[in-house]
Amino acid sequence: MYLVFDIGGTKMRLAKSADGLTFGEPKVVSTPVDQAELVRVFTQTAQELLGEEKPVAVAGGLSRRFQTLIPELQNSFTCPVYLENDAALAALGEAHAGAGRNYNIVAYLTISTGVGGARIVKGKIDEKVSGFEPGKQFIHVPMKPAGHLTTLEDAVSGTSLAKKFSKPAREIADQEVWAELARILAYGLHNTIMHWSPSVVVLGGSMITGTPSIDLNAISENLKQISSVFPELPVLKVAELADFGGLHGALHFLQEKLSK
């Protein structure tokens, strides 16, 4: 028996796998803000899911802000525990079982409470020293004062939108706001495409797959207008695995680790 999980900013998802190839019905719980409570809820949920069964190995993803919890999560089990960045595992999931399958180089960005992502090359998370942080790239937003820079995450994430309008992104009905987000995101994607030169760009997260959302066609049209370096732009696609891309990625990550 194996356990895979994905600890996101708002939800934690856990699932067990009998064969290491597929996983059963996931358990989904809210991610506590307090980190000690997070470990308690995670451990309790894992025990409920596994029952009397003991996992042979565990694999999962967690965001950078939860990195301090790695020792506690590893000590929660008596078997090998393999951990990766949550966005990187979502990218891996989409590359194998979602919108990025059959492409050699996949650039994945999740636009949600924050903005994260990763580069997948030939089915594996690309080598890195410290990780991938496409959401931390600086861009110039014309609506800001001249010369003012901001990060892509601070410009298009759900958190930044909620802060600006004092309500959740899902409650913002003004289409001009969403059109502006598409234009801004296109600049960030342009930079990412220049750096990563992917075959396909897969976009996921609630700001892309929710309602309302940043329209893929609007992003694509803006991208075509500002990009003139490469003779052909990569394919732009919406993620297909919804909230469970990280679990699919964790399963493939686990297979990779166990095969070594």
C-alpha atoms as a PDB file:
ATOM      1  CA  MET A   1       0.000   0.000   0.000  1.00  0.00           C
ATOM      2  CA  TYR A   2       1.199   3.495  -0.885  1.00  0.00           C
ATOM      3  CA  LEU A   3       0.046   6.959   0.139  1.00  0.00           C
ATOM      4  CA  VAL A   4       0.136  10.053  -2.074  1.00  0.00           C
ATOM      5  CA  PHE A   5      -0.826  13.576  -1.080  1.00  0.00           C
ATOM      6  CA  ASP A   6      -0.933  17.207  -2.114  1.00  0.00           C
ATOM      7  CA  ILE A   7      -0.866  19.999   0.486  1.00  0.00           C
ATOM      8  CA  GLY A   8      -2.089  23.181  -1.148  1.00  0.00           C
ATOM      9  CA  GLY A   9      -2.710  26.649   0.195  1.00  0.00           C
ATOM     10  CA  THR A  10      -6.419  26.008   0.838  1.00  0.00           C
ATOM     11  CA  LYS A  11      -6.933  22.226   0.514  1.00  0.00           C
ATOM     12  CA  MET A  12      -5.092  19.030   1.383  1.00  0.00           C
ATOM     13  CA  ARG A  13      -5.727  15.954  -0.740  1.00  0.00           C
ATOM     14  CA  LEU A  14      -4.685  12.429   0.216  1.00  0.00           C
ATOM     15  CA  ALA A  15      -5.223   9.100  -1.538  1.00  0.00           C
ATOM     16  CA  LYS A  16      -3.989   5.548  -1.195  1.00  0.00           C
ATOM     17  CA  SER A  17      -2.729   3.296  -3.949  1.00  0.00           C
ATOM     18  CA  ALA A  18      -2.720  -0.488  -3.806  1.00  0.00           C
ATOM     19  CA  ASP A  19      -0.536  -0.983  -6.876  1.00  0.00           C
ATOM     20  CA  GLY A  20       1.519   2.220  -7.126  1.00  0.00           C
ATOM     21  CA  LEU A  21      -0.065   2.894 -10.520  1.00  0.00           C
ATOM     22  CA  THR A  22      -3.535   4.199  -9.675  1.00  0.00           C
ATOM     23  CA  PHE A  23      -5.104   5.763  -6.597  1.00  0.00           C
ATOM     24  CA  GLY A  24      -8.513   5.410  -4.979  1.00  0.00           C
ATOM     25  CA  GLU A  25     -11.066   8.028  -3.929  1.00  0.00           C
ATOM     26  CA  PRO A  26      -9.138  10.954  -2.408  1.00  0.00           C
ATOM     27  CA  LYS A  27      -9.878  12.530   0.941  1.00  0.00           C
ATOM     28  CA  VAL A  28     -10.028  16.327   0.739  1.00  0.00           C
ATOM     29  CA  VAL A  29      -9.808  18.565   3.817  1.00  0.00           C
ATOM     30  CA  SER A  30      -9.117  22.250   4.397  1.00  0.00           C
ATOM     31  CA  THR A  31      -5.493  23.238   4.970  1.00  0.00           C
ATOM     32  CA  PRO A  32      -5.167  24.722   8.479  1.00  0.00           C
ATOM     33  CA  VAL A  33      -3.367  28.047   8.745  1.00  0.00           C
ATOM     34  CA  ASP A  34      -1.528  26.960  11.895  1.00  0.00           C
ATOM     35  CA  GLN A  35       1.271  24.602  10.905  1.00  0.00           C
ATOM     36  CA  ALA A  36       1.094  22.457  14.036  1.00  0.00           C
ATOM     37  CA  GLU A  37      -2.619  21.972  13.363  1.00  0.00           C
ATOM     38  CA  LEU A  38      -1.792  21.177   9.726  1.00  0.00           C
ATOM     39  CA  VAL A  39       0.442  18.282  10.781  1.00  0.00           C
ATOM     40  CA  ARG A  40      -2.225  17.011  13.191  1.00  0.00           C
ATOM     41  CA  VAL A  41      -5.014  17.137  10.574  1.00  0.00           C
ATOM     42  CA  PHE A  42      -2.758  15.593   7.918  1.00  0.00           C
ATOM     43  CA  THR A  43      -1.749  12.712  10.218  1.00  0.00           C
ATOM     44  CA  GLN A  44      -5.335  12.098  11.324  1.00  0.00           C
ATOM     45  CA  THR A  45      -6.647  12.112   7.750  1.00  0.00           C
ATOM     46  CA  ALA A  46      -3.901   9.731   6.622  1.00  0.00           C
ATOM     47  CA  GLN A  47      -4.771   7.333   9.461  1.00  0.00           C
ATOM     48  CA  GLU A  48      -8.477   7.458   8.547  1.00  0.00           C
ATOM     49  CA  LEU A  49      -7.640   6.714   4.932  1.00  0.00           C
ATOM     50  CA  LEU A  50      -5.193   3.888   5.601  1.00  0.00           C
ATOM     51  CA  GLY A  51      -6.961   2.244   8.538  1.00  0.00           C
ATOM     52  CA  GLU A  52      -4.885  -0.713   9.733  1.00  0.00           C
ATOM     53  CA  GLU A  53      -2.779  -0.760   6.567  1.00  0.00           C
ATOM     54  CA  LYS A  54       0.812   0.446   6.722  1.00  0.00           C
ATOM     55  CA  PRO A  55       2.206   2.256   3.664  1.00  0.00           C
ATOM     56  CA  VAL A  56       5.337   0.918   1.989  1.00  0.00           C
ATOM     57  CA  ALA A  57       6.204   4.411   0.762  1.00  0.00           C
ATOM     58  CA  VAL A  58       4.693   7.905   0.782  1.00  0.00           C
ATOM     59  CA  ALA A  59       5.034  10.699  -1.787  1.00  0.00           C
ATOM     60  CA  GLY A  60       3.545  14.153  -1.959  1.00  0.00           C
ATOM     61  CA  GLY A  61       3.870  17.828  -2.632  1.00  0.00           C
ATOM     62  CA  LEU A  62       3.772  20.914  -0.466  1.00  0.00           C
ATOM     63  CA  SER A  63       4.291  24.586  -1.180  1.00  0.00           C
ATOM     64  CA  ARG A  64       7.440  26.460  -0.268  1.00  0.00           C
ATOM     65  CA  ARG A  65       5.794  28.076   2.773  1.00  0.00           C
ATOM     66  CA  PHE A  66       5.379  24.642   4.336  1.00  0.00           C
ATOM     67  CA  GLN A  67       9.019  23.579   3.891  1.00  0.00           C
ATOM     68  CA  THR A  68       9.665  23.794   7.643  1.00  0.00           C
ATOM     69  CA  LEU A  69       7.200  20.923   8.109  1.00  0.00           C
ATOM     70  CA  ILE A  70       9.267  18.431   6.109  1.00  0.00           C
ATOM     71  CA  PRO A  71      10.899  16.766   9.159  1.00  0.00           C
ATOM     72  CA  GLU A  72       7.535  16.409  10.930  1.00  0.00           C
ATOM     73  CA  LEU A  73       5.836  14.952   7.868  1.00  0.00           C
ATOM     74  CA  GLN A  74       8.689  12.500   7.364  1.00  0.00           C
ATOM     75  CA  ASN A  75       8.543  11.457  11.017  1.00  0.00           C
ATOM     76  CA  SER A  76       4.809  10.757  10.695  1.00  0.00           C
ATOM     77  CA  PHE A  77       5.650   7.502   8.874  1.00  0.00           C
ATOM     78  CA  THR A  78       8.042   4.596   9.370  1.00  0.00           C
ATOM     79  CA  CYS A  79       8.564   4.151   5.616  1.00  0.00           C
ATOM     80  CA  PRO A  80      10.375   6.219   2.951  1.00  0.00           C
ATOM     81  CA  VAL A  81       8.752   9.621   2.373  1.00  0.00           C
ATOM     82  CA  TYR A  82       9.450  11.455  -0.887  1.00  0.00           C
ATOM     83  CA  LEU A  83       8.591  15.156  -1.029  1.00  0.00           C
ATOM     84  CA  GLU A  84       8.530  17.728  -3.833  1.00  0.00           C
ATOM     85  CA  ASN A  85       7.093  21.170  -4.507  1.00  0.00           C
ATOM     86  CA  ASP A  86       3.317  20.982  -4.979  1.00  0.00           C
ATOM     87  CA  ALA A  87       3.302  22.901  -8.274  1.00  0.00           C
ATOM     88  CA  ALA A  88       6.082  20.680  -9.642  1.00  0.00           C
ATOM     89  CA  LEU A  89       4.032  17.565  -8.898  1.00  0.00           C
ATOM     90  CA  ALA A  90       0.928  19.104 -10.473  1.00  0.00           C
ATOM     91  CA  ALA A  91       3.077  19.814 -13.530  1.00  0.00           C
ATOM     92  CA  LEU A  92       4.303  16.217 -13.548  1.00  0.00           C
ATOM     93  CA  GLY A  93       0.723  14.966 -13.301  1.00  0.00           C
ATOM     94  CA  GLU A  94      -0.407  17.066 -16.257  1.00  0.00           C
ATOM     95  CA  ALA A  95       2.632  15.947 -18.268  1.00  0.00           C
ATOM     96  CA  HIS A  96       1.801  12.269 -17.778  1.00  0.00           C
ATOM     97  CA  ALA A  97      -1.972  12.092 -17.465  1.00  0.00           C
ATOM     98  CA  GLY A  98      -3.342  15.497 -18.426  1.00  0.00           C
ATOM     99  CA  ALA A  99      -3.066  18.288 -20.973  1.00  0.00           C
ATOM    100  CA  GLY A 100       0.707  17.934 -21.349  1.00  0.00           C
ATOM    101  CA  ARG A 101       0.832  14.260 -22.255  1.00  0.00           C
ATOM    102  CA  ASN A 102       2.657  13.453 -25.507  1.00  0.00           C
ATOM    103  CA  TYR A 103       4.731  16.665 -25.338  1.00  0.00           C
ATOM    104  CA  ASN A 104       8.482  16.536 -24.664  1.00  0.00           C
ATOM    105  CA  ILE A 105       8.800  19.853 -22.840  1.00  0.00           C
ATOM    106  CA  VAL A 106       5.902  21.028 -20.679  1.00  0.00           C
ATOM    107  CA  ALA A 107       5.713  24.421 -19.006  1.00  0.00           C
ATOM    108  CA  TYR A 108       3.054  24.347 -16.296  1.00  0.00           C
ATOM    109  CA  LEU A 109       1.734  27.328 -14.359  1.00  0.00           C
ATOM    110  CA  THR A 110      -0.969  27.271 -11.738  1.00  0.00           C
ATOM    111  CA  ILE A 111      -2.817  30.549 -11.233  1.00  0.00           C
ATOM    112  CA  SER A 112      -4.657  30.223  -7.950  1.00  0.00           C
ATOM    113  CA  THR A 113      -4.201  31.718  -4.475  1.00  0.00           C
ATOM    114  CA  GLY A 114      -0.624  32.196  -5.665  1.00  0.00           C
ATOM    115  CA  VAL A 115       1.239  31.524  -8.904  1.00  0.00           C
ATOM    116  CA  GLY A 116       3.575  28.558  -9.181  1.00  0.00           C
ATOM    117  CA  GLY A 117       4.831  26.194 -11.828  1.00  0.00           C
ATOM    118  CA  ALA A 118       7.550  23.944 -13.162  1.00  0.00           C
ATOM    119  CA  ARG A 119       9.242  22.688 -16.311  1.00  0.00           C
ATOM    120  CA  ILE A 120       8.870  19.011 -17.229  1.00  0.00           C
ATOM    121  CA  VAL A 121      11.320  17.511 -19.714  1.00  0.00           C
ATOM    122  CA  LYS A 122      10.685  14.054 -21.207  1.00  0.00           C
ATOM    123  CA  GLY A 123       8.330  13.124 -18.388  1.00  0.00           C
ATOM    124  CA  LYS A 124      10.545  14.251 -15.515  1.00  0.00           C
ATOM    125  CA  ILE A 125      10.779  17.389 -13.403  1.00  0.00           C
ATOM    126  CA  ASP A 126      13.646  19.361 -14.888  1.00  0.00           C
ATOM    127  CA  GLU A 127      16.864  19.653 -12.883  1.00  0.00           C
ATOM    128  CA  LYS A 128      17.125  22.689 -10.637  1.00  0.00           C
ATOM    129  CA  VAL A 129      19.144  24.056  -7.750  1.00  0.00           C
ATOM    130  CA  SER A 130      16.513  25.820  -5.640  1.00  0.00           C
ATOM    131  CA  GLY A 131      13.273  25.189  -7.497  1.00  0.00           C
ATOM    132  CA  PHE A 132      11.009  26.924 -10.008  1.00  0.00           C
ATOM    133  CA  GLU A 133       9.195  30.158  -9.165  1.00  0.00           C
ATOM    134  CA  PRO A 134       7.630  31.612 -12.340  1.00  0.00           C
ATOM    135  CA  GLY A 135       5.184  33.574 -10.200  1.00  0.00           C
ATOM    136  CA  LYS A 136       8.032  35.567  -8.661  1.00  0.00           C
ATOM    137  CA  GLN A 137       9.192  37.045 -11.975  1.00  0.00           C
ATOM    138  CA  PHE A 138       8.958  40.827 -12.103  1.00  0.00           C
ATOM    139  CA  ILE A 139       6.759  42.483 -14.698  1.00  0.00           C
ATOM    140  CA  HIS A 140       5.759  46.072 -15.379  1.00  0.00           C
ATOM    141  CA  VAL A 141       2.032  46.679 -15.036  1.00  0.00           C
ATOM    142  CA  PRO A 142       0.997  49.774 -17.049  1.00  0.00           C
ATOM    143  CA  MET A 143      -1.864  50.612 -14.686  1.00  0.00           C
ATOM    144  CA  LYS A 144       0.702  51.084 -11.943  1.00  0.00           C
ATOM    145  CA  PRO A 145       2.712  54.305 -11.581  1.00  0.00           C
ATOM    146  CA  ALA A 146       5.453  54.649 -14.201  1.00  0.00           C
ATOM    147  CA  GLY A 147       8.474  52.544 -13.356  1.00  0.00           C
ATOM    148  CA  HIS A 148       6.630  50.438 -10.797  1.00  0.00           C
ATOM    149  CA  LEU A 149       7.403  46.717 -10.937  1.00  0.00           C
ATOM    150  CA  THR A 150       5.415  43.919  -9.391  1.00  0.00           C
ATOM    151  CA  THR A 151       5.593  40.133  -9.455  1.00  0.00           C
ATOM    152  CA  LEU A 152       3.343  38.109 -11.720  1.00  0.00           C
ATOM    153  CA  GLU A 153       1.869  36.520  -8.599  1.00  0.00           C
ATOM    154  CA  ASP A 154       1.011  39.888  -7.079  1.00  0.00           C
ATOM    155  CA  ALA A 155      -0.602  40.949 -10.349  1.00  0.00           C
ATOM    156  CA  VAL A 156      -2.844  37.987 -11.231  1.00  0.00           C
ATOM    157  CA  SER A 157      -3.286  35.649  -8.236  1.00  0.00           C
ATOM    158  CA  GLY A 158      -6.586  35.166  -6.460  1.00  0.00           C
ATOM    159  CA  THR A 159      -5.065  36.474  -3.248  1.00  0.00           C
ATOM    160  CA  SER A 160      -3.965  39.736  -4.832  1.00  0.00           C
ATOM    161  CA  LEU A 161      -7.327  40.170  -6.552  1.00  0.00           C
ATOM    162  CA  ALA A 162      -9.217  39.616  -3.299  1.00  0.00           C
ATOM    163  CA  LYS A 163      -6.998  42.149  -1.563  1.00  0.00           C
ATOM    164  CA  LYS A 164      -7.522  44.741  -4.284  1.00  0.00           C
ATOM    165  CA  PHE A 165     -11.324  44.383  -4.521  1.00  0.00           C
ATOM    166  CA  SER A 166     -12.038  43.325  -0.909  1.00  0.00           C
ATOM    167  CA  LYS A 167     -13.911  40.210  -2.030  1.00  0.00           C
ATOM    168  CA  PRO A 168     -13.081  36.757  -3.425  1.00  0.00           C
ATOM    169  CA  ALA A 169     -12.136  36.535  -7.089  1.00  0.00           C
ATOM    170  CA  ARG A 170     -15.190  34.363  -7.806  1.00  0.00           C
ATOM    171  CA  GLU A 171     -17.430  37.316  -6.855  1.00  0.00           C
ATOM    172  CA  ILE A 172     -15.844  39.735  -9.348  1.00  0.00           C
ATOM    173  CA  ALA A 173     -18.173  39.968 -12.343  1.00  0.00           C
ATOM    174  CA  ASP A 174     -16.557  42.906 -14.161  1.00  0.00           C
ATOM    175  CA  GLN A 175     -15.304  41.459 -17.457  1.00  0.00           C
ATOM    176  CA  GLU A 176     -12.849  44.327 -17.902  1.00  0.00           C
ATOM    177  CA  VAL A 177     -11.008  43.096 -14.813  1.00  0.00           C
ATOM    178  CA  TRP A 178     -10.683  39.598 -16.270  1.00  0.00           C
ATOM    179  CA  ALA A 179      -9.626  40.969 -19.652  1.00  0.00           C
ATOM    180  CA  GLU A 180      -6.868  42.972 -17.960  1.00  0.00           C
ATOM    181  CA  LEU A 181      -5.713  39.869 -16.082  1.00  0.00           C
ATOM    182  CA  ALA A 182      -5.459  38.006 -19.405  1.00  0.00           C
ATOM    183  CA  ARG A 183      -3.280  40.784 -20.809  1.00  0.00           C
ATOM    184  CA  ILE A 184      -0.998  40.856 -17.760  1.00  0.00           C
ATOM    185  CA  LEU A 185      -0.700  37.064 -17.610  1.00  0.00           C
ATOM    186  CA  ALA A 186       0.305  37.032 -21.288  1.00  0.00           C
ATOM    187  CA  TYR A 187       3.397  39.083 -20.409  1.00  0.00           C
ATOM    188  CA  GLY A 188       4.369  36.608 -17.717  1.00  0.00           C
ATOM    189  CA  LEU A 189       3.846  33.673 -20.078  1.00  0.00           C
ATOM    190  CA  HIS A 190       5.917  35.419 -22.736  1.00  0.00           C
ATOM    191  CA  ASN A 191       8.852  35.587 -20.305  1.00  0.00           C
ATOM    192  CA  THR A 192       8.372  31.973 -19.265  1.00  0.00           C
ATOM    193  CA  ILE A 193       8.259  30.808 -22.888  1.00  0.00           C
ATOM    194  CA  MET A 194      11.455  32.754 -23.648  1.00  0.00           C
ATOM    195  CA  HIS A 195      13.237  31.092 -20.713  1.00  0.00           C
ATOM    196  CA  TRP A 196      11.876  27.546 -20.933  1.00  0.00           C
ATOM    197  CA  SER A 197      11.162  27.150 -24.700  1.00  0.00           C
ATOM    198  CA  PRO A 198       8.417  24.565 -24.134  1.00  0.00           C
ATOM    199  CA  SER A 199       6.387  22.462 -26.560  1.00  0.00           C
ATOM    200  CA  VAL A 200       3.200  23.249 -24.629  1.00  0.00           C
ATOM    201  CA  VAL A 201       2.129  25.625 -21.869  1.00  0.00           C
ATOM    202  CA  VAL A 202      -0.463  24.171 -19.504  1.00  0.00           C
ATOM    203  CA  LEU A 203      -2.395  26.551 -17.263  1.00  0.00           C
ATOM    204  CA  GLY A 204      -4.215  25.364 -14.160  1.00  0.00           C
ATOM    205  CA  GLY A 205      -5.552  26.712 -10.894  1.00  0.00           C
ATOM    206  CA  SER A 206      -8.844  28.296  -9.879  1.00  0.00           C
ATOM    207  CA  MET A 207      -8.159  31.563 -11.732  1.00  0.00           C
ATOM    208  CA  ILE A 208      -8.056  29.539 -14.981  1.00  0.00           C
ATOM    209  CA  THR A 209     -10.496  26.681 -14.392  1.00  0.00           C
ATOM    210  CA  GLY A 210     -12.993  28.398 -12.071  1.00  0.00           C
ATOM    211  CA  THR A 211     -15.980  30.637 -12.780  1.00  0.00           C
ATOM    212  CA  PRO A 212     -15.363  33.395 -13.664  1.00  0.00           C
ATOM    213  CA  SER A 213     -11.853  32.860 -14.992  1.00  0.00           C
ATOM    214  CA  ILE A 214      -9.058  34.288 -17.101  1.00  0.00           C
ATOM    215  CA  ASP A 215     -10.011  33.317 -20.638  1.00  0.00           C
ATOM    216  CA  LEU A 216      -7.502  31.133 -22.502  1.00  0.00           C
ATOM    217  CA  ASN A 217      -8.364  32.648 -25.888  1.00  0.00           C
ATOM    218  CA  ALA A 218      -7.822  36.163 -24.531  1.00  0.00           C
ATOM    219  CA  ILE A 219      -4.451  35.115 -23.111  1.00  0.00           C
ATOM    220  CA  SER A 220      -3.499  33.571 -26.446  1.00  0.00           C
ATOM    221  CA  GLU A 221      -4.468  36.656 -28.458  1.00  0.00           C
ATOM    222  CA  ASN A 222      -2.487  38.940 -26.151  1.00  0.00           C
ATOM    223  CA  LEU A 223       0.480  36.583 -26.317  1.00  0.00           C
ATOM    224  CA  LYS A 224       0.462  36.644 -30.120  1.00  0.00           C
ATOM    225  CA  GLN A 225       0.523  40.443 -30.099  1.00  0.00           C
ATOM    226  CA  ILE A 226       3.567  40.775 -27.834  1.00  0.00           C
ATOM    227  CA  SER A 227       5.657  37.775 -28.931  1.00  0.00           C
ATOM    228  CA  SER A 228       7.806  38.065 -32.058  1.00  0.00           C
ATOM    229  CA  VAL A 229      10.997  36.190 -31.141  1.00  0.00           C
ATOM    230  CA  PHE A 230      10.141  32.585 -31.957  1.00  0.00           C
ATOM    231  CA  PRO A 231       8.644  31.714 -35.379  1.00  0.00           C
ATOM    232  CA  GLU A 232       5.930  29.684 -33.643  1.00  0.00           C
ATOM    233  CA  LEU A 233       4.466  29.867 -30.140  1.00  0.00           C
ATOM    234  CA  PRO A 234       3.943  26.713 -28.093  1.00  0.00           C
ATOM    235  CA  VAL A 235       0.494  25.220 -27.745  1.00  0.00           C
ATOM    236  CA  LEU A 236      -1.519  26.810 -24.918  1.00  0.00           C
ATOM    237  CA  LYS A 237      -3.864  24.478 -23.009  1.00  0.00           C
ATOM    238  CA  VAL A 238      -6.006  24.388 -19.867  1.00  0.00           C
ATOM    239  CA  ALA A 239      -5.089  21.756 -17.275  1.00  0.00           C
ATOM    240  CA  GLU A 240      -7.250  18.618 -17.447  1.00  0.00           C
ATOM    241  CA  LEU A 241      -6.784  17.035 -14.003  1.00  0.00           C
ATOM    242  CA  ALA A 242      -8.672  19.691 -12.025  1.00  0.00           C
ATOM    243  CA  ASP A 243      -7.827  19.522  -8.318  1.00  0.00           C
ATOM    244  CA  PHE A 244      -6.039  16.175  -8.507  1.00  0.00           C
ATOM    245  CA  GLY A 245      -3.065  16.936 -10.742  1.00  0.00           C
ATOM    246  CA  GLY A 246      -0.819  16.911  -7.693  1.00  0.00           C
ATOM    247  CA  LEU A 247      -1.930  13.396  -6.740  1.00  0.00           C
ATOM    248  CA  HIS A 248      -1.283  12.104 -10.261  1.00  0.00           C
ATOM    249  CA  GLY A 249       2.119  13.770 -10.142  1.00  0.00           C
ATOM    250  CA  ALA A 250       2.891  12.328  -6.713  1.00  0.00           C
ATOM    251  CA  LEU A 251       2.122   8.850  -8.031  1.00  0.00           C
ATOM    252  CA  HIS A 252       4.514   9.249 -10.978  1.00  0.00           C
ATOM    253  CA  PHE A 253       7.111  10.791  -8.662  1.00  0.00           C
ATOM    254  CA  LEU A 254       6.744   7.765  -6.384  1.00  0.00           C
ATOM    255  CA  GLN A 255       7.190   5.346  -9.303  1.00  0.00           C
ATOM    256  CA  GLU A 256      10.319   7.182 -10.329  1.00  0.00           C
ATOM    257  CA  LYS A 257      11.797   6.983  -6.820  1.00  0.00           C
ATOM    258  CA  LEU A 258      10.944   3.314  -6.344  1.00  0.00           C
ATOM    259  CA  SER A 259      12.455   2.364  -9.698  1.00  0.00           C
ATOM    260  CA  LYS A 260      15.910   3.618  -8.697  1.00  0.00           C
END
